[in-house]
Amino acid sequence: MSQPRAHSLLEQILSVGSGFVVSLIFWTYVVVPVWQLPVQTADNLQITAAFTALSITRGYLWRRIFNRLGSGRRARHA
């Protein structure tokens, strides 16, 4: 049974959304201080948001590809 597209997208948004918080904290309190990067808070949010959007898209596309491959395999074995 294939996962509906809306569920795939929601799963990716929730998964990556939680990753957004973790990566923003890591970027702000580890990366910037260790490498002494002169980055403003607004820049931190924009950078993290850009990578988050890419991650949602990547995860959604992979999920849809594997759902399609899985449903094709089940149809052949039925």
PDB file of N, CA and C in Angstrom:
ATOM      1  N   MET A   1       0.846  -1.177   0.000  1.00  0.00           N
ATOM      2  CA  MET A   1       0.000   0.000   0.000  1.00  0.00           C
ATOM      3  C   MET A   1       0.892   1.241   0.000  1.00  0.00           C
ATOM      4  N   SER A   2       0.674   2.110  -0.948  1.00  0.00           N
ATOM      5  CA  SER A   2       1.499   3.299  -1.118  1.00  0.00           C
ATOM      6  C   SER A   2       1.049   4.413  -0.175  1.00  0.00           C
ATOM      7  N   GLN A   3       1.999   5.215   0.257  1.00  0.00           N
ATOM      8  CA  GLN A   3       1.702   6.348   1.123  1.00  0.00           C
ATOM      9  C   GLN A   3       1.186   7.495   0.253  1.00  0.00           C
ATOM     10  N   PRO A   4       0.060   8.120   0.627  1.00  0.00           N
ATOM     11  CA  PRO A   4      -0.439   9.263  -0.153  1.00  0.00           C
ATOM     12  C   PRO A   4       0.587  10.394  -0.203  1.00  0.00           C
ATOM     13  N   ARG A   5       0.562  11.151  -1.283  1.00  0.00           N
ATOM     14  CA  ARG A   5       1.522  12.237  -1.468  1.00  0.00           C
ATOM     15  C   ARG A   5       1.454  13.252  -0.336  1.00  0.00           C
ATOM     16  N   ALA A   6       0.250  13.584   0.098  1.00  0.00           N
ATOM     17  CA  ALA A   6       0.107  14.565   1.185  1.00  0.00           C
ATOM     18  C   ALA A   6       0.769  14.060   2.459  1.00  0.00           C
ATOM     19  N   HIS A   7       0.665  12.763   2.734  1.00  0.00           N
ATOM     20  CA  HIS A   7       1.304  12.192   3.919  1.00  0.00           C
ATOM     21  C   HIS A   7       2.818  12.204   3.783  1.00  0.00           C
ATOM     22  N   SER A   8       3.307  11.931   2.571  1.00  0.00           N
ATOM     23  CA  SER A   8       4.754  11.986   2.336  1.00  0.00           C
ATOM     24  C   SER A   8       5.283  13.386   2.607  1.00  0.00           C
ATOM     25  N   LEU A   9       4.562  14.382   2.107  1.00  0.00           N
ATOM     26  CA  LEU A   9       4.988  15.766   2.292  1.00  0.00           C
ATOM     27  C   LEU A   9       4.916  16.168   3.759  1.00  0.00           C
ATOM     28  N   LEU A  10       3.819  15.815   4.441  1.00  0.00           N
ATOM     29  CA  LEU A  10       3.679  16.142   5.862  1.00  0.00           C
ATOM     30  C   LEU A  10       4.773  15.482   6.687  1.00  0.00           C
ATOM     31  N   GLU A  11       5.073  14.230   6.397  1.00  0.00           N
ATOM     32  CA  GLU A  11       6.135  13.527   7.122  1.00  0.00           C
ATOM     33  C   GLU A  11       7.473  14.244   6.950  1.00  0.00           C
ATOM     34  N   GLN A  12       7.770  14.656   5.729  1.00  0.00           N
ATOM     35  CA  GLN A  12       9.024  15.347   5.472  1.00  0.00           C
ATOM     36  C   GLN A  12       9.073  16.709   6.152  1.00  0.00           C
ATOM     37  N   ILE A  13       7.967  17.429   6.136  1.00  0.00           N
ATOM     38  CA  ILE A  13       7.934  18.745   6.788  1.00  0.00           C
ATOM     39  C   ILE A  13       8.170  18.605   8.282  1.00  0.00           C
ATOM     40  N   LEU A  14       7.514  17.636   8.916  1.00  0.00           N
ATOM     41  CA  LEU A  14       7.699  17.427  10.356  1.00  0.00           C
ATOM     42  C   LEU A  14       9.108  16.943  10.676  1.00  0.00           C
ATOM     43  N   SER A  15       9.612  16.028   9.875  1.00  0.00           N
ATOM     44  CA  SER A  15      10.959  15.503  10.115  1.00  0.00           C
ATOM     45  C   SER A  15      12.005  16.589   9.942  1.00  0.00           C
ATOM     46  N   VAL A  16      11.928  17.297   8.853  1.00  0.00           N
ATOM     47  CA  VAL A  16      12.930  18.314   8.566  1.00  0.00           C
ATOM     48  C   VAL A  16      12.700  19.553   9.440  1.00  0.00           C
ATOM     49  N   GLY A  17      11.445  19.822   9.770  1.00  0.00           N
ATOM     50  CA  GLY A  17      11.162  20.961  10.652  1.00  0.00           C
ATOM     51  C   GLY A  17      11.841  20.809  12.004  1.00  0.00           C
ATOM     52  N   SER A  18      11.815  19.601  12.539  1.00  0.00           N
ATOM     53  CA  SER A  18      12.516  19.379  13.802  1.00  0.00           C
ATOM     54  C   SER A  18      14.021  19.492  13.590  1.00  0.00           C
ATOM     55  N   GLY A  19      14.491  19.056  12.421  1.00  0.00           N
ATOM     56  CA  GLY A  19      15.899  19.218  12.088  1.00  0.00           C
ATOM     57  C   GLY A  19      16.289  20.675  11.940  1.00  0.00           C
ATOM     58  N   PHE A  20      15.352  21.506  11.497  1.00  0.00           N
ATOM     59  CA  PHE A  20      15.588  22.949  11.374  1.00  0.00           C
ATOM     60  C   PHE A  20      16.002  23.536  12.719  1.00  0.00           C
ATOM     61  N   VAL A  21      15.254  23.189  13.749  1.00  0.00           N
ATOM     62  CA  VAL A  21      15.543  23.707  15.091  1.00  0.00           C
ATOM     63  C   VAL A  21      16.921  23.238  15.550  1.00  0.00           C
ATOM     64  N   VAL A  22      17.197  21.949  15.373  1.00  0.00           N
ATOM     65  CA  VAL A  22      18.496  21.403  15.788  1.00  0.00           C
ATOM     66  C   VAL A  22      19.637  22.067  15.020  1.00  0.00           C
ATOM     67  N   SER A  23      19.477  22.200  13.705  1.00  0.00           N
ATOM     68  CA  SER A  23      20.566  22.774  12.907  1.00  0.00           C
ATOM     69  C   SER A  23      20.755  24.261  13.191  1.00  0.00           C
ATOM     70  N   LEU A  24      19.668  24.973  13.456  1.00  0.00           N
ATOM     71  CA  LEU A  24      19.798  26.392  13.792  1.00  0.00           C
ATOM     72  C   LEU A  24      20.570  26.564  15.100  1.00  0.00           C
ATOM     73  N   ILE A  25      20.250  25.745  16.085  1.00  0.00           N
ATOM     74  CA  ILE A  25      20.973  25.800  17.362  1.00  0.00           C
ATOM     75  C   ILE A  25      22.438  25.424  17.160  1.00  0.00           C
ATOM     76  N   PHE A  26      22.688  24.356  16.399  1.00  0.00           N
ATOM     77  CA  PHE A  26      24.062  23.922  16.144  1.00  0.00           C
ATOM     78  C   PHE A  26      24.840  24.995  15.402  1.00  0.00           C
ATOM     79  N   TRP A  27      24.242  25.574  14.359  1.00  0.00           N
ATOM     80  CA  TRP A  27      24.894  26.624  13.571  1.00  0.00           C
ATOM     81  C   TRP A  27      25.230  27.825  14.449  1.00  0.00           C
ATOM     82  N   THR A  28      24.253  28.244  15.259  1.00  0.00           N
ATOM     83  CA  THR A  28      24.413  29.452  16.073  1.00  0.00           C
ATOM     84  C   THR A  28      25.421  29.278  17.201  1.00  0.00           C
ATOM     85  N   TYR A  29      25.393  28.126  17.866  1.00  0.00           N
ATOM     86  CA  TYR A  29      26.203  27.957  19.068  1.00  0.00           C
ATOM     87  C   TYR A  29      27.466  27.117  18.884  1.00  0.00           C
ATOM     88  N   VAL A  30      27.638  26.495  17.710  1.00  0.00           N
ATOM     89  CA  VAL A  30      28.841  25.696  17.473  1.00  0.00           C
ATOM     90  C   VAL A  30      29.605  26.218  16.254  1.00  0.00           C
ATOM     91  N   VAL A  31      28.984  26.191  15.087  1.00  0.00           N
ATOM     92  CA  VAL A  31      29.684  26.546  13.850  1.00  0.00           C
ATOM     93  C   VAL A  31      30.174  27.987  13.865  1.00  0.00           C
ATOM     94  N   VAL A  32      29.283  28.926  14.129  1.00  0.00           N
ATOM     95  CA  VAL A  32      29.664  30.347  14.091  1.00  0.00           C
ATOM     96  C   VAL A  32      30.777  30.663  15.097  1.00  0.00           C
ATOM     97  N   PRO A  33      30.667  30.240  16.360  1.00  0.00           N
ATOM     98  CA  PRO A  33      31.752  30.558  17.292  1.00  0.00           C
ATOM     99  C   PRO A  33      33.073  29.834  16.989  1.00  0.00           C
ATOM    100  N   VAL A  34      33.002  28.572  16.619  1.00  0.00           N
ATOM    101  CA  VAL A  34      34.227  27.806  16.390  1.00  0.00           C
ATOM    102  C   VAL A  34      35.002  28.370  15.194  1.00  0.00           C
ATOM    103  N   TRP A  35      34.300  28.690  14.129  1.00  0.00           N
ATOM    104  CA  TRP A  35      34.957  29.227  12.933  1.00  0.00           C
ATOM    105  C   TRP A  35      34.958  30.751  12.909  1.00  0.00           C
ATOM    106  N   GLN A  36      34.458  31.352  13.951  1.00  0.00           N
ATOM    107  CA  GLN A  36      34.430  32.807  14.107  1.00  0.00           C
ATOM    108  C   GLN A  36      33.871  33.496  12.860  1.00  0.00           C
ATOM    109  N   LEU A  37      32.703  33.045  12.456  1.00  0.00           N
ATOM    110  CA  LEU A  37      32.044  33.615  11.289  1.00  0.00           C
ATOM    111  C   LEU A  37      31.244  34.854  11.683  1.00  0.00           C
ATOM    112  N   PRO A  38      31.426  35.942  10.964  1.00  0.00           N
ATOM    113  CA  PRO A  38      30.681  37.158  11.267  1.00  0.00           C
ATOM    114  C   PRO A  38      29.294  37.123  10.613  1.00  0.00           C
ATOM    115  N   VAL A  39      28.363  36.386  11.227  1.00  0.00           N
ATOM    116  CA  VAL A  39      27.032  36.199  10.649  1.00  0.00           C
ATOM    117  C   VAL A  39      25.982  36.730  11.613  1.00  0.00           C
ATOM    118  N   GLN A  40      25.045  37.503  11.069  1.00  0.00           N
ATOM    119  CA  GLN A  40      23.950  38.048  11.867  1.00  0.00           C
ATOM    120  C   GLN A  40      22.872  36.983  12.074  1.00  0.00           C
ATOM    121  N   THR A  41      22.016  37.182  13.074  1.00  0.00           N
ATOM    122  CA  THR A  41      20.941  36.238  13.369  1.00  0.00           C
ATOM    123  C   THR A  41      20.017  36.065  12.167  1.00  0.00           C
ATOM    124  N   ALA A  42      19.678  37.151  11.487  1.00  0.00           N
ATOM    125  CA  ALA A  42      18.806  37.058  10.307  1.00  0.00           C
ATOM    126  C   ALA A  42      19.458  36.206   9.216  1.00  0.00           C
ATOM    127  N   ASP A  43      20.766  36.337   9.059  1.00  0.00           N
ATOM    128  CA  ASP A  43      21.486  35.509   8.086  1.00  0.00           C
ATOM    129  C   ASP A  43      21.449  34.045   8.495  1.00  0.00           C
ATOM    130  N   ASN A  44      21.612  33.781   9.794  1.00  0.00           N
ATOM    131  CA  ASN A  44      21.530  32.403  10.301  1.00  0.00           C
ATOM    132  C   ASN A  44      20.190  31.782   9.920  1.00  0.00           C
ATOM    133  N   LEU A  45      19.113  32.525  10.142  1.00  0.00           N
ATOM    134  CA  LEU A  45      17.775  32.012   9.832  1.00  0.00           C
ATOM    135  C   LEU A  45      17.607  31.767   8.333  1.00  0.00           C
ATOM    136  N   GLN A  46      18.090  32.665   7.513  1.00  0.00           N
ATOM    137  CA  GLN A  46      17.957  32.502   6.060  1.00  0.00           C
ATOM    138  C   GLN A  46      18.756  31.310   5.555  1.00  0.00           C
ATOM    139  N   ILE A  47      19.966  31.150   6.034  1.00  0.00           N
ATOM    140  CA  ILE A  47      20.802  30.024   5.619  1.00  0.00           C
ATOM    141  C   ILE A  47      20.155  28.710   6.045  1.00  0.00           C
ATOM    142  N   THR A  48      19.725  28.646   7.286  1.00  0.00           N
ATOM    143  CA  THR A  48      19.105  27.424   7.792  1.00  0.00           C
ATOM    144  C   THR A  48      17.799  27.132   7.060  1.00  0.00           C
ATOM    145  N   ALA A  49      17.006  28.157   6.786  1.00  0.00           N
ATOM    146  CA  ALA A  49      15.742  27.972   6.061  1.00  0.00           C
ATOM    147  C   ALA A  49      15.982  27.461   4.648  1.00  0.00           C
ATOM    148  N   ALA A  50      17.005  27.960   3.975  1.00  0.00           N
ATOM    149  CA  ALA A  50      17.308  27.509   2.619  1.00  0.00           C
ATOM    150  C   ALA A  50      17.667  26.022   2.609  1.00  0.00           C
ATOM    151  N   PHE A  51      18.519  25.606   3.537  1.00  0.00           N
ATOM    152  CA  PHE A  51      18.885  24.191   3.600  1.00  0.00           C
ATOM    153  C   PHE A  51      17.697  23.329   4.033  1.00  0.00           C
ATOM    154  N   THR A  52      16.826  23.871   4.867  1.00  0.00           N
ATOM    155  CA  THR A  52      15.638  23.139   5.290  1.00  0.00           C
ATOM    156  C   THR A  52      14.699  22.911   4.115  1.00  0.00           C
ATOM    157  N   ALA A  53      14.476  23.923   3.299  1.00  0.00           N
ATOM    158  CA  ALA A  53      13.616  23.777   2.115  1.00  0.00           C
ATOM    159  C   ALA A  53      14.193  22.734   1.159  1.00  0.00           C
ATOM    160  N   LEU A  54      15.495  22.773   0.962  1.00  0.00           N
ATOM    161  CA  LEU A  54      16.134  21.770   0.102  1.00  0.00           C
ATOM    162  C   LEU A  54      15.980  20.366   0.685  1.00  0.00           C
ATOM    163  N   SER A  55      16.092  20.247   1.982  1.00  0.00           N
ATOM    164  CA  SER A  55      15.980  18.948   2.630  1.00  0.00           C
ATOM    165  C   SER A  55      14.561  18.391   2.528  1.00  0.00           C
ATOM    166  N   ILE A  56      13.561  19.237   2.687  1.00  0.00           N
ATOM    167  CA  ILE A  56      12.165  18.793   2.539  1.00  0.00           C
ATOM    168  C   ILE A  56      11.939  18.282   1.124  1.00  0.00           C
ATOM    169  N   THR A  57      12.395  19.041   0.143  1.00  0.00           N
ATOM    170  CA  THR A  57      12.227  18.649  -1.254  1.00  0.00           C
ATOM    171  C   THR A  57      12.928  17.334  -1.547  1.00  0.00           C
ATOM    172  N   ARG A  58      14.173  17.225  -1.100  1.00  0.00           N
ATOM    173  CA  ARG A  58      14.947  15.996  -1.322  1.00  0.00           C
ATOM    174  C   ARG A  58      14.261  14.797  -0.684  1.00  0.00           C
ATOM    175  N   GLY A  59      13.857  14.930   0.569  1.00  0.00           N
ATOM    176  CA  GLY A  59      13.221  13.811   1.266  1.00  0.00           C
ATOM    177  C   GLY A  59      11.897  13.404   0.636  1.00  0.00           C
ATOM    178  N   TYR A  60      11.109  14.395   0.219  1.00  0.00           N
ATOM    179  CA  TYR A  60       9.829  14.117  -0.421  1.00  0.00           C
ATOM    180  C   TYR A  60      10.040  13.362  -1.738  1.00  0.00           C
ATOM    181  N   LEU A  61      10.980  13.833  -2.550  1.00  0.00           N
ATOM    182  CA  LEU A  61      11.220  13.177  -3.837  1.00  0.00           C
ATOM    183  C   LEU A  61      11.712  11.745  -3.661  1.00  0.00           C
ATOM    184  N   TRP A  62      12.632  11.528  -2.741  1.00  0.00           N
ATOM    185  CA  TRP A  62      13.098  10.163  -2.488  1.00  0.00           C
ATOM    186  C   TRP A  62      11.962   9.275  -2.001  1.00  0.00           C
ATOM    187  N   ARG A  63      11.115   9.789  -1.112  1.00  0.00           N
ATOM    188  CA  ARG A  63       9.989   9.006  -0.605  1.00  0.00           C
ATOM    189  C   ARG A  63       9.061   8.607  -1.733  1.00  0.00           C
ATOM    190  N   ARG A  64       8.752   9.561  -2.637  1.00  0.00           N
ATOM    191  CA  ARG A  64       7.859   9.269  -3.756  1.00  0.00           C
ATOM    192  C   ARG A  64       8.495   8.248  -4.707  1.00  0.00           C
ATOM    193  N   ILE A  65       9.792   8.364  -4.967  1.00  0.00           N
ATOM    194  CA  ILE A  65      10.486   7.411  -5.835  1.00  0.00           C
ATOM    195  C   ILE A  65      10.409   6.011  -5.248  1.00  0.00           C
ATOM    196  N   PHE A  66      10.702   5.872  -3.961  1.00  0.00           N
ATOM    197  CA  PHE A  66      10.677   4.545  -3.353  1.00  0.00           C
ATOM    198  C   PHE A  66       9.260   4.009  -3.221  1.00  0.00           C
ATOM    199  N   ASN A  67       8.264   4.881  -3.009  1.00  0.00           N
ATOM    200  CA  ASN A  67       6.879   4.413  -3.002  1.00  0.00           C
ATOM    201  C   ASN A  67       6.492   3.885  -4.381  1.00  0.00           C
ATOM    202  N   ARG A  68       6.912   4.605  -5.421  1.00  0.00           N
ATOM    203  CA  ARG A  68       6.599   4.163  -6.782  1.00  0.00           C
ATOM    204  C   ARG A  68       7.294   2.838  -7.093  1.00  0.00           C
ATOM    205  N   LEU A  69       8.556   2.711  -6.726  1.00  0.00           N
ATOM    206  CA  LEU A  69       9.278   1.459  -6.955  1.00  0.00           C
ATOM    207  C   LEU A  69       8.639   0.312  -6.182  1.00  0.00           C
ATOM    208  N   GLY A  70       8.244   0.579  -4.952  1.00  0.00           N
ATOM    209  CA  GLY A  70       7.626  -0.457  -4.130  1.00  0.00           C
ATOM    210  C   GLY A  70       6.275  -0.887  -4.659  1.00  0.00           C
ATOM    211  N   SER A  71       5.459   0.048  -5.139  1.00  0.00           N
ATOM    212  CA  SER A  71       4.140  -0.317  -5.647  1.00  0.00           C
ATOM    213  C   SER A  71       4.263  -1.083  -6.963  1.00  0.00           C
ATOM    214  N   GLY A  72       5.269  -0.759  -7.769  1.00  0.00           N
ATOM    215  CA  GLY A  72       5.504  -1.508  -9.004  1.00  0.00           C
ATOM    216  C   GLY A  72       5.926  -2.935  -8.724  1.00  0.00           C
ATOM    217  N   ARG A  73       6.745  -3.121  -7.710  1.00  0.00           N
ATOM    218  CA  ARG A  73       7.213  -4.450  -7.331  1.00  0.00           C
ATOM    219  C   ARG A  73       6.049  -5.281  -6.791  1.00  0.00           C
ATOM    220  N   ARG A  74       5.184  -4.668  -5.989  1.00  0.00           N
ATOM    221  CA  ARG A  74       4.022  -5.403  -5.444  1.00  0.00           C
ATOM    222  C   ARG A  74       3.070  -5.806  -6.548  1.00  0.00           C
ATOM    223  N   ALA A  75       2.888  -4.948  -7.547  1.00  0.00           N
ATOM    224  CA  ALA A  75       1.959  -5.246  -8.648  1.00  0.00           C
ATOM    225  C   ALA A  75       2.470  -6.445  -9.449  1.00  0.00           C
ATOM    226  N   ARG A  76       3.779  -6.567  -9.640  1.00  0.00           N
ATOM    227  CA  ARG A  76       4.327  -7.695 -10.402  1.00  0.00           C
ATOM    228  C   ARG A  76       4.188  -9.004  -9.645  1.00  0.00           C
ATOM    229  N   HIS A  77       4.242  -8.950  -8.306  1.00  0.00           N
ATOM    230  CA  HIS A  77       4.177 -10.180  -7.511  1.00  0.00           C
ATOM    231  C   HIS A  77       2.750 -10.593  -7.188  1.00  0.00           C
ATOM    232  N   ALA A  78       1.789  -9.749  -7.498  1.00  0.00           N
ATOM    233  CA  ALA A  78       0.380 -10.049  -7.166  1.00  0.00           C
ATOM    234  C   ALA A  78      -0.228 -11.018  -8.149  1.00  0.00           C
TER     235      ALA A  78
END
